[in-house]
Amino acid sequence: MAESELYQKGKALRRELLGAAYVDRRDQVADDPIMRQFGELTTETIFGALWARPGLDFKTRALVTVVSDVATGREPELALHLRVARRQGWSEEELTEVLFHLMGYVGAPLVREALITAIRVFAEVRQEVDGAAR
């Protein structure tokens, strides 16, 4: 893929939102040609175009994305976006309260699955932060 301006912008923004170490790990396992193409396309369109739009800050976009993932039952995406939300300044407590609040609107089963994912992601992020601090 030729690196368009949107792709370059998306690539930098993806690293900023997710963290360079995490992106490097994810990119190493994306050795399937179809998934590599998917990654390039999402880097250009999702990160380079949507996330880079003016009008909302990254912290707000992260929370909107978390809520969308929970409401649609997208657990793998939720794990990724909870990580982004934590990096954008949302606390574990705030995100947990958002998930609890969603129970009244999307239902307990979706929220239960989201909480299971959140517990795992929060632990991973804490471990990464602790490891980086050493």
C-alpha atoms as a PDB file:
ATOM      1  CA  MET A   1       0.000   0.000   0.000  1.00  0.00           C
ATOM      2  CA  ALA A   2       1.292   3.434  -0.905  1.00  0.00           C
ATOM      3  CA  GLU A   3       1.406   5.528   2.229  1.00  0.00           C
ATOM      4  CA  SER A   4      -1.109   8.301   1.654  1.00  0.00           C
ATOM      5  CA  GLU A   5      -1.218  11.375   3.861  1.00  0.00           C
ATOM      6  CA  LEU A   6      -4.235   9.917   5.701  1.00  0.00           C
ATOM      7  CA  TYR A   7      -2.394   6.643   6.238  1.00  0.00           C
ATOM      8  CA  GLN A   8       0.661   8.431   7.644  1.00  0.00           C
ATOM      9  CA  LYS A   9      -1.555  10.524   9.924  1.00  0.00           C
ATOM     10  CA  GLY A  10      -3.465   7.413  11.010  1.00  0.00           C
ATOM     11  CA  LYS A  11      -0.280   5.465  11.679  1.00  0.00           C
ATOM     12  CA  ALA A  12       1.052   8.191  13.981  1.00  0.00           C
ATOM     13  CA  LEU A  13      -2.301   8.635  15.699  1.00  0.00           C
ATOM     14  CA  ARG A  14      -2.723   4.882  16.247  1.00  0.00           C
ATOM     15  CA  ARG A  15       0.675   4.775  17.991  1.00  0.00           C
ATOM     16  CA  GLU A  16      -0.279   7.778  20.112  1.00  0.00           C
ATOM     17  CA  LEU A  17      -3.636   6.334  21.151  1.00  0.00           C
ATOM     18  CA  LEU A  18      -2.525   2.759  21.818  1.00  0.00           C
ATOM     19  CA  GLY A  19       1.113   3.226  22.728  1.00  0.00           C
ATOM     20  CA  ALA A  20       4.107   2.322  20.596  1.00  0.00           C
ATOM     21  CA  ALA A  21       4.924  -0.926  22.444  1.00  0.00           C
ATOM     22  CA  TYR A  22       1.366  -2.229  22.094  1.00  0.00           C
ATOM     23  CA  VAL A  23       1.182  -1.324  18.388  1.00  0.00           C
ATOM     24  CA  ASP A  24       4.539  -2.980  17.730  1.00  0.00           C
ATOM     25  CA  ARG A  25       3.353  -6.199  19.435  1.00  0.00           C
ATOM     26  CA  ARG A  26       0.072  -6.178  17.493  1.00  0.00           C
ATOM     27  CA  ASP A  27       1.807  -5.499  14.175  1.00  0.00           C
ATOM     28  CA  GLN A  28       4.173  -8.436  14.685  1.00  0.00           C
ATOM     29  CA  VAL A  29       1.285 -10.915  14.822  1.00  0.00           C
ATOM     30  CA  ALA A  30      -0.507  -9.414  11.804  1.00  0.00           C
ATOM     31  CA  ASP A  31       1.392 -11.558   9.325  1.00  0.00           C
ATOM     32  CA  ASP A  32      -1.657 -12.745   7.383  1.00  0.00           C
ATOM     33  CA  PRO A  33      -1.864 -10.761   4.124  1.00  0.00           C
ATOM     34  CA  ILE A  34      -5.618 -10.231   4.415  1.00  0.00           C
ATOM     35  CA  MET A  35      -5.360  -8.983   8.006  1.00  0.00           C
ATOM     36  CA  ARG A  36      -2.411  -6.780   7.044  1.00  0.00           C
ATOM     37  CA  GLN A  37      -4.614  -5.164   4.376  1.00  0.00           C
ATOM     38  CA  PHE A  38      -7.402  -4.757   6.930  1.00  0.00           C
ATOM     39  CA  GLY A  39      -4.963  -3.074   9.318  1.00  0.00           C
ATOM     40  CA  GLU A  40      -3.757  -0.695   6.628  1.00  0.00           C
ATOM     41  CA  LEU A  41      -7.310   0.198   5.667  1.00  0.00           C
ATOM     42  CA  THR A  42      -8.402   0.832   9.261  1.00  0.00           C
ATOM     43  CA  THR A  43      -5.243   2.836   9.927  1.00  0.00           C
ATOM     44  CA  GLU A  44      -6.088   5.124   7.025  1.00  0.00           C
ATOM     45  CA  THR A  45      -9.863   5.398   7.426  1.00  0.00           C
ATOM     46  CA  ILE A  46     -10.548   4.958  11.134  1.00  0.00           C
ATOM     47  CA  PHE A  47      -7.456   6.584  12.636  1.00  0.00           C
ATOM     48  CA  GLY A  48      -6.378   8.863   9.776  1.00  0.00           C
ATOM     49  CA  ALA A  49      -9.850  10.165   8.950  1.00  0.00           C
ATOM     50  CA  LEU A  50     -12.362   9.593  11.773  1.00  0.00           C
ATOM     51  CA  TRP A  51     -10.214   9.909  14.901  1.00  0.00           C
ATOM     52  CA  ALA A  52      -8.349  12.874  13.406  1.00  0.00           C
ATOM     53  CA  ARG A  53     -11.488  14.911  12.712  1.00  0.00           C
ATOM     54  CA  PRO A  54     -11.919  18.150  14.614  1.00  0.00           C
ATOM     55  CA  GLY A  55     -14.871  18.616  16.929  1.00  0.00           C
ATOM     56  CA  LEU A  56     -14.237  16.043  19.667  1.00  0.00           C
ATOM     57  CA  ASP A  57     -11.154  15.449  21.747  1.00  0.00           C
ATOM     58  CA  PHE A  58      -9.571  12.002  21.893  1.00  0.00           C
ATOM     59  CA  LYS A  59     -10.816  11.388  25.430  1.00  0.00           C
ATOM     60  CA  THR A  60     -14.445  11.889  24.354  1.00  0.00           C
ATOM     61  CA  ARG A  61     -13.967   9.807  21.200  1.00  0.00           C
ATOM     62  CA  ALA A  62     -12.508   7.003  23.315  1.00  0.00           C
ATOM     63  CA  LEU A  63     -15.544   6.951  25.604  1.00  0.00           C
ATOM     64  CA  VAL A  64     -17.989   7.030  22.674  1.00  0.00           C
ATOM     65  CA  THR A  65     -16.151   4.082  21.158  1.00  0.00           C
ATOM     66  CA  VAL A  66     -16.214   2.098  24.420  1.00  0.00           C
ATOM     67  CA  VAL A  67     -19.973   2.661  24.725  1.00  0.00           C
ATOM     68  CA  SER A  68     -20.488   1.582  21.103  1.00  0.00           C
ATOM     69  CA  ASP A  69     -18.471  -1.596  21.666  1.00  0.00           C
ATOM     70  CA  VAL A  70     -20.470  -2.516  24.771  1.00  0.00           C
ATOM     71  CA  ALA A  71     -23.813  -1.781  23.101  1.00  0.00           C
ATOM     72  CA  THR A  72     -22.962  -3.960  20.111  1.00  0.00           C
ATOM     73  CA  GLY A  73     -21.233  -6.747  22.058  1.00  0.00           C
ATOM     74  CA  ARG A  74     -17.836  -6.285  20.425  1.00  0.00           C
ATOM     75  CA  GLU A  75     -15.592  -7.737  23.146  1.00  0.00           C
ATOM     76  CA  PRO A  76     -12.273  -7.891  21.215  1.00  0.00           C
ATOM     77  CA  GLU A  77     -12.747  -4.293  20.087  1.00  0.00           C
ATOM     78  CA  LEU A  78     -13.778  -3.281  23.600  1.00  0.00           C
ATOM     79  CA  ALA A  79     -10.456  -4.554  24.964  1.00  0.00           C
ATOM     80  CA  LEU A  80      -8.597  -2.386  22.474  1.00  0.00           C
ATOM     81  CA  HIS A  81     -10.738   0.683  23.119  1.00  0.00           C
ATOM     82  CA  LEU A  82     -10.629   0.358  26.915  1.00  0.00           C
ATOM     83  CA  ARG A  83      -6.860   0.521  26.558  1.00  0.00           C
ATOM     84  CA  VAL A  84      -7.231   3.712  24.493  1.00  0.00           C
ATOM     85  CA  ALA A  85      -9.663   5.161  27.039  1.00  0.00           C
ATOM     86  CA  ARG A  86      -7.217   4.529  29.897  1.00  0.00           C
ATOM     87  CA  ARG A  87      -4.414   6.173  27.917  1.00  0.00           C
ATOM     88  CA  GLN A  88      -6.695   9.165  27.317  1.00  0.00           C
ATOM     89  CA  GLY A  89      -7.210   9.711  31.028  1.00  0.00           C
ATOM     90  CA  TRP A  90     -10.362   7.784  31.928  1.00  0.00           C
ATOM     91  CA  SER A  91      -9.866   6.031  35.260  1.00  0.00           C
ATOM     92  CA  GLU A  92     -10.804   2.423  35.929  1.00  0.00           C
ATOM     93  CA  GLU A  93     -13.496   3.693  38.287  1.00  0.00           C
ATOM     94  CA  GLU A  94     -15.002   6.048  35.692  1.00  0.00           C
ATOM     95  CA  LEU A  95     -15.027   3.388  32.991  1.00  0.00           C
ATOM     96  CA  THR A  96     -16.543   0.844  35.381  1.00  0.00           C
ATOM     97  CA  GLU A  97     -19.291   3.318  36.265  1.00  0.00           C
ATOM     98  CA  VAL A  98     -19.964   3.883  32.550  1.00  0.00           C
ATOM     99  CA  LEU A  99     -20.362   0.125  32.133  1.00  0.00           C
ATOM    100  CA  PHE A 100     -22.703  -0.084  35.138  1.00  0.00           C
ATOM    101  CA  HIS A 101     -24.746   2.805  33.727  1.00  0.00           C
ATOM    102  CA  LEU A 102     -25.116   1.002  30.409  1.00  0.00           C
ATOM    103  CA  MET A 103     -26.819  -1.921  32.149  1.00  0.00           C
ATOM    104  CA  GLY A 104     -30.058   0.069  32.164  1.00  0.00           C
ATOM    105  CA  TYR A 105     -29.823   0.733  28.434  1.00  0.00           C
ATOM    106  CA  VAL A 106     -28.189  -2.290  26.792  1.00  0.00           C
ATOM    107  CA  GLY A 107     -28.830  -4.997  29.399  1.00  0.00           C
ATOM    108  CA  ALA A 108     -27.000  -6.972  32.045  1.00  0.00           C
ATOM    109  CA  PRO A 109     -25.628  -9.750  29.760  1.00  0.00           C
ATOM    110  CA  LEU A 110     -23.734  -7.305  27.525  1.00  0.00           C
ATOM    111  CA  VAL A 111     -22.477  -5.355  30.517  1.00  0.00           C
ATOM    112  CA  ARG A 112     -21.382  -8.538  32.308  1.00  0.00           C
ATOM    113  CA  GLU A 113     -19.262  -9.530  29.307  1.00  0.00           C
ATOM    114  CA  ALA A 114     -17.886  -5.996  29.088  1.00  0.00           C
ATOM    115  CA  LEU A 115     -16.939  -6.053  32.779  1.00  0.00           C
ATOM    116  CA  ILE A 116     -15.102  -9.353  32.343  1.00  0.00           C
ATOM    117  CA  THR A 117     -13.150  -7.786  29.486  1.00  0.00           C
ATOM    118  CA  ALA A 118     -12.530  -4.596  31.487  1.00  0.00           C
ATOM    119  CA  ILE A 119     -11.165  -6.498  34.494  1.00  0.00           C
ATOM    120  CA  ARG A 120      -8.666  -8.278  32.234  1.00  0.00           C
ATOM    121  CA  VAL A 121      -7.635  -5.123  30.343  1.00  0.00           C
ATOM    122  CA  PHE A 122      -7.287  -3.049  33.509  1.00  0.00           C
ATOM    123  CA  ALA A 123      -4.988  -5.711  34.994  1.00  0.00           C
ATOM    124  CA  GLU A 124      -2.895  -5.835  31.793  1.00  0.00           C
ATOM    125  CA  VAL A 125      -2.536  -2.046  31.709  1.00  0.00           C
ATOM    126  CA  ARG A 126      -1.578  -1.922  35.409  1.00  0.00           C
ATOM    127  CA  GLN A 127       1.035  -4.637  34.800  1.00  0.00           C
ATOM    128  CA  GLU A 128       2.451  -2.767  31.792  1.00  0.00           C
ATOM    129  CA  VAL A 129       2.633   0.473  33.768  1.00  0.00           C
ATOM    130  CA  ASP A 130       4.292  -1.301  36.709  1.00  0.00           C
ATOM    131  CA  GLY A 131       6.777  -2.981  34.355  1.00  0.00           C
ATOM    132  CA  ALA A 132       7.622   0.289  32.629  1.00  0.00           C
ATOM    133  CA  ALA A 133       8.154   2.019  35.968  1.00  0.00           C
ATOM    134  CA  ARG A 134      10.898  -0.430  36.970  1.00  0.00           C
END
